[in-house]
């Protein structure tokens, strides 16, 4: 079963949605824009193991929150405290989602999802991604607006970074219908010793002896 970005239920998939496109997509960027992109790429590449908390605000104003864990390559976990129990986990091979309210479990190969790009060993923003806008502030903060050039009408994502010290602060997804979902990282810290169990999720809906 295919998991869409909406199915995945969190904004990190938008980062991963910056999939490989022809390098010509960068041809209209200024030298300063390219330097800013290189700065963001270096930061994301160094973000190999981290944890933190997030608040997600949907188009209708509904709010979700929880904690996230990241261990590249291949592994991540978003666990929601509101709504309680909702989980999205990548174990390096598959992306799995469990909603206890509906008792629904889904999974799809990681390589078949946009998450595979962000969780790859090498993160690239300097080739293939269509960048619509790079906005810089005097404080050193900046934002990158991007979309998939092959499917430009499917929406866009804005990645916002603090400048000093540099930190990924939030991202905003605008879908094909114009609905916006904003995810704010209220905390983000390095986490060099994450437990392997965080990135394991078995199907809770399966009963013993069930095929």
Protein backbone atom coordinates (compact mmCIF):
# COMPACT_ATOMS: atom_id res chain seq x y z
CA UNK A 1 0.00 0.00 0.00
CA UNK A 2 1.37 3.41 -0.95
CA UNK A 3 1.94 5.96 1.79
CA UNK A 4 1.50 9.55 0.71
CA UNK A 5 3.01 12.54 2.50
CA UNK A 6 -0.41 13.06 4.08
CA UNK A 7 -0.47 9.40 5.17
CA UNK A 8 2.96 9.77 6.73
CA UNK A 9 1.42 12.53 8.76
CA UNK A 10 4.39 14.80 9.39
CA UNK A 11 6.42 17.49 7.70
CA UNK A 12 9.76 15.69 7.61
CA UNK A 13 8.59 13.90 4.48
CA UNK A 14 8.62 17.24 2.76
CA UNK A 15 12.37 17.51 3.24
CA UNK A 16 12.74 14.10 1.73
CA UNK A 17 10.50 15.17 -1.12
CA UNK A 18 13.36 17.20 -2.58
CA UNK A 19 14.06 14.36 -4.97
CA UNK A 20 16.70 14.15 -7.71
CA UNK A 21 15.99 16.38 -10.70
CA UNK A 22 18.19 17.61 -13.55
CA UNK A 23 20.94 19.99 -12.44
CA UNK A 24 19.53 22.60 -14.81
CA UNK A 25 16.87 23.24 -12.16
CA UNK A 26 19.50 25.32 -10.34
CA UNK A 27 20.52 27.41 -13.36
CA UNK A 28 18.62 30.58 -12.36
CA UNK A 29 20.11 30.80 -8.87
CA UNK A 30 22.57 33.56 -8.01
CA UNK A 31 25.98 32.80 -6.55
CA UNK A 32 24.71 33.95 -3.16
CA UNK A 33 21.70 31.64 -3.45
CA UNK A 34 23.99 28.72 -4.27
CA UNK A 35 26.18 29.52 -1.30
CA UNK A 36 23.14 29.50 0.99
CA UNK A 37 22.02 26.15 -0.44
CA UNK A 38 25.48 24.73 0.13
CA UNK A 39 25.31 25.94 3.73
CA UNK A 40 21.95 24.19 4.24
CA UNK A 41 23.21 21.01 2.59
CA UNK A 42 26.30 20.91 4.81
CA UNK A 43 24.10 21.31 7.88
CA UNK A 44 21.65 18.59 6.86
CA UNK A 45 24.48 16.23 5.92
CA UNK A 46 25.95 16.65 9.41
CA UNK A 47 22.58 15.95 11.05
CA UNK A 48 23.27 12.24 11.41
CA UNK A 49 21.78 11.54 14.83
CA UNK A 50 19.35 13.84 16.62
CA UNK A 51 16.20 14.06 18.69
CA UNK A 52 13.73 16.73 19.61
CA UNK A 53 10.12 17.82 19.85
CA UNK A 54 7.76 19.30 17.31
CA UNK A 55 4.43 21.05 16.90
CA UNK A 56 2.51 20.56 13.66
CA UNK A 57 -0.28 22.96 12.64
CA UNK A 58 -2.61 21.87 9.86
CA UNK A 59 -4.52 23.91 7.33
CA UNK A 60 -7.62 24.01 9.52
CA UNK A 61 -5.66 25.13 12.56
CA UNK A 62 -5.56 21.68 14.14
CA UNK A 63 -2.39 21.04 16.14
CA UNK A 64 -0.39 17.86 16.62
CA UNK A 65 2.73 17.45 18.68
CA UNK A 66 5.24 14.88 19.79
CA UNK A 67 8.87 13.81 19.66
CA UNK A 68 11.14 12.73 16.83
CA UNK A 69 14.36 10.73 16.55
CA UNK A 70 16.74 10.60 13.59
CA UNK A 71 19.64 8.29 12.82
CA UNK A 72 21.02 8.45 9.30
CA UNK A 73 21.36 6.58 7.12
CA UNK A 74 17.88 5.18 6.92
CA UNK A 75 16.30 5.46 10.35
CA UNK A 76 13.80 7.84 11.91
CA UNK A 77 10.87 7.86 14.30
CA UNK A 78 8.04 10.35 14.86
CA UNK A 79 5.91 9.56 17.89
CA UNK A 80 2.89 11.74 18.51
CA UNK A 81 1.72 12.58 22.01
CA UNK A 82 -1.30 14.38 20.61
CA UNK A 83 -2.93 12.37 19.12
CA UNK A 84 -1.43 9.84 21.49
CA UNK A 85 0.04 6.66 20.06
CA UNK A 86 0.39 7.62 16.39
CA UNK A 87 3.78 6.38 15.15
CA UNK A 88 5.80 6.70 11.93
CA UNK A 89 9.03 4.68 11.88
CA UNK A 90 11.69 3.97 9.29
CA UNK A 91 13.89 1.01 10.20
CA UNK A 92 16.30 1.46 7.29
CA UNK A 93 14.36 -0.85 4.98
CA UNK A 94 10.70 0.08 5.38
CA UNK A 95 8.61 3.05 6.49
CA UNK A 96 5.84 1.98 8.86
CA UNK A 97 2.84 3.85 10.22
CA UNK A 98 0.55 2.76 13.03
CA UNK A 99 -2.60 4.59 14.09
CA UNK A 100 -3.97 3.04 17.31
CA UNK A 101 -7.22 4.99 17.08
CA UNK A 102 -8.12 3.13 13.89
CA UNK A 103 -5.94 0.08 14.63
CA UNK A 104 -4.38 0.47 11.17
CA UNK A 105 -0.81 -0.50 10.30
CA UNK A 106 0.80 0.27 6.94
CA UNK A 107 4.29 -0.10 5.54
CA UNK A 108 6.13 0.57 2.29
CA UNK A 109 9.78 0.11 1.25
CA UNK A 110 11.88 3.11 2.24
CA UNK A 111 13.30 3.32 -1.28
CA UNK A 112 9.78 3.84 -2.64
CA UNK A 113 9.18 6.93 -0.48
CA UNK A 114 10.51 10.49 -0.60
CA UNK A 115 12.03 9.85 2.84
CA UNK A 116 14.81 7.86 1.18
CA UNK A 117 16.44 11.07 -0.07
CA UNK A 118 16.66 12.80 3.31
CA UNK A 119 17.67 9.62 5.14
CA UNK A 120 20.33 8.75 2.56
CA UNK A 121 23.98 8.63 3.55
CA UNK A 122 24.57 11.68 1.33
CA UNK A 123 22.02 14.52 1.31
CA UNK A 124 22.17 16.74 -1.80
CA UNK A 125 20.42 20.06 -2.34
CA UNK A 126 22.83 21.34 -4.98
CA UNK A 127 21.57 19.24 -7.85
CA UNK A 128 18.21 18.21 -9.05
CA UNK A 129 15.96 20.29 -6.80
CA UNK A 130 13.90 23.11 -8.23
CA UNK A 131 14.44 26.11 -5.95
CA UNK A 132 11.81 28.82 -6.33
CA UNK A 133 13.23 31.26 -3.81
CA UNK A 134 16.04 31.74 -1.29
CA UNK A 135 15.25 34.39 1.33
CA UNK A 136 17.91 35.76 3.67
CA UNK A 137 17.46 37.92 6.77
CA UNK A 138 19.97 40.28 8.40
CA UNK A 139 20.02 38.02 11.47
CA UNK A 140 21.55 35.27 9.33
CA UNK A 141 18.33 33.26 9.23
CA UNK A 142 17.19 32.07 5.82
CA UNK A 143 14.45 30.11 4.09
CA UNK A 144 14.44 27.92 0.99
CA UNK A 145 11.30 27.45 -1.10
CA UNK A 146 11.40 24.34 -3.29
CA UNK A 147 9.20 22.08 -5.36
CA UNK A 148 9.44 19.00 -7.54
CA UNK A 149 10.12 20.28 -11.08
CA UNK A 150 8.58 17.17 -12.61
CA UNK A 151 5.35 17.78 -10.69
CA UNK A 152 5.37 21.53 -9.97
CA UNK A 153 1.62 21.67 -9.43
CA UNK A 154 1.72 19.19 -6.54
CA UNK A 155 2.82 21.85 -4.09
CA UNK A 156 5.93 23.27 -2.46
CA UNK A 157 7.93 23.21 0.75
CA UNK A 158 9.63 26.03 2.67
CA UNK A 159 12.56 25.06 4.89
CA UNK A 160 13.40 27.74 7.49
CA UNK A 161 16.76 27.88 9.26
CA UNK A 162 18.03 30.00 12.15
CA UNK A 163 21.30 31.68 11.36
CA UNK A 164 23.36 31.96 14.56
CA UNK A 165 23.81 29.25 15.53
CA UNK A 166 22.47 27.59 12.41
CA UNK A 167 19.55 25.25 13.07
CA UNK A 168 16.61 23.85 11.14
CA UNK A 169 13.64 25.61 12.75
CA UNK A 170 10.58 24.64 10.76
CA UNK A 171 9.11 23.66 7.43
CA UNK A 172 5.81 24.47 5.74
CA UNK A 173 4.18 22.27 3.13
CA UNK A 174 1.69 23.71 0.65
CA UNK A 175 -0.17 20.96 -1.19
CA UNK A 176 -1.74 20.96 -4.65
CA UNK A 177 -4.98 22.41 -3.25
CA UNK A 178 -3.16 25.25 -1.47
CA UNK A 179 -3.57 23.80 2.04
CA UNK A 180 -0.61 24.55 4.30
CA UNK A 181 0.88 22.42 7.09
CA UNK A 182 3.53 23.99 9.32
CA UNK A 183 5.91 21.93 11.46
CA UNK A 184 7.95 23.76 14.09
CA UNK A 185 10.89 22.07 15.80
CA UNK A 186 10.59 23.31 19.36
CA UNK A 187 13.79 21.45 20.30
CA UNK A 188 16.53 19.81 18.24
CA UNK A 189 19.66 18.35 19.83
CA UNK A 190 22.39 15.89 18.82
CA UNK A 191 21.75 12.38 20.12
CA UNK A 192 24.76 10.13 19.49
CA UNK A 193 23.48 7.13 21.47
CA UNK A 194 19.91 6.43 20.39
CA UNK A 195 18.53 3.01 21.28
CA UNK A 196 18.12 0.64 18.34
CA UNK A 197 14.63 -0.24 19.62
CA UNK A 198 13.39 3.24 18.65
CA UNK A 199 13.60 2.25 14.99
CA UNK A 200 11.78 -1.06 15.26
CA UNK A 201 8.02 -1.34 14.82
CA UNK A 202 6.19 -4.64 14.45
CA UNK A 203 2.60 -4.81 13.26
CA UNK A 204 0.48 -4.38 16.43
CA UNK A 205 -2.64 -5.50 14.56
CA UNK A 206 -1.32 -9.02 13.95
CA UNK A 207 -2.51 -11.72 16.33
CA UNK A 208 -0.54 -14.88 17.17
CA UNK A 209 -1.12 -17.51 14.50
CA UNK A 210 -2.54 -14.98 12.03
CA UNK A 211 -1.20 -15.28 8.46
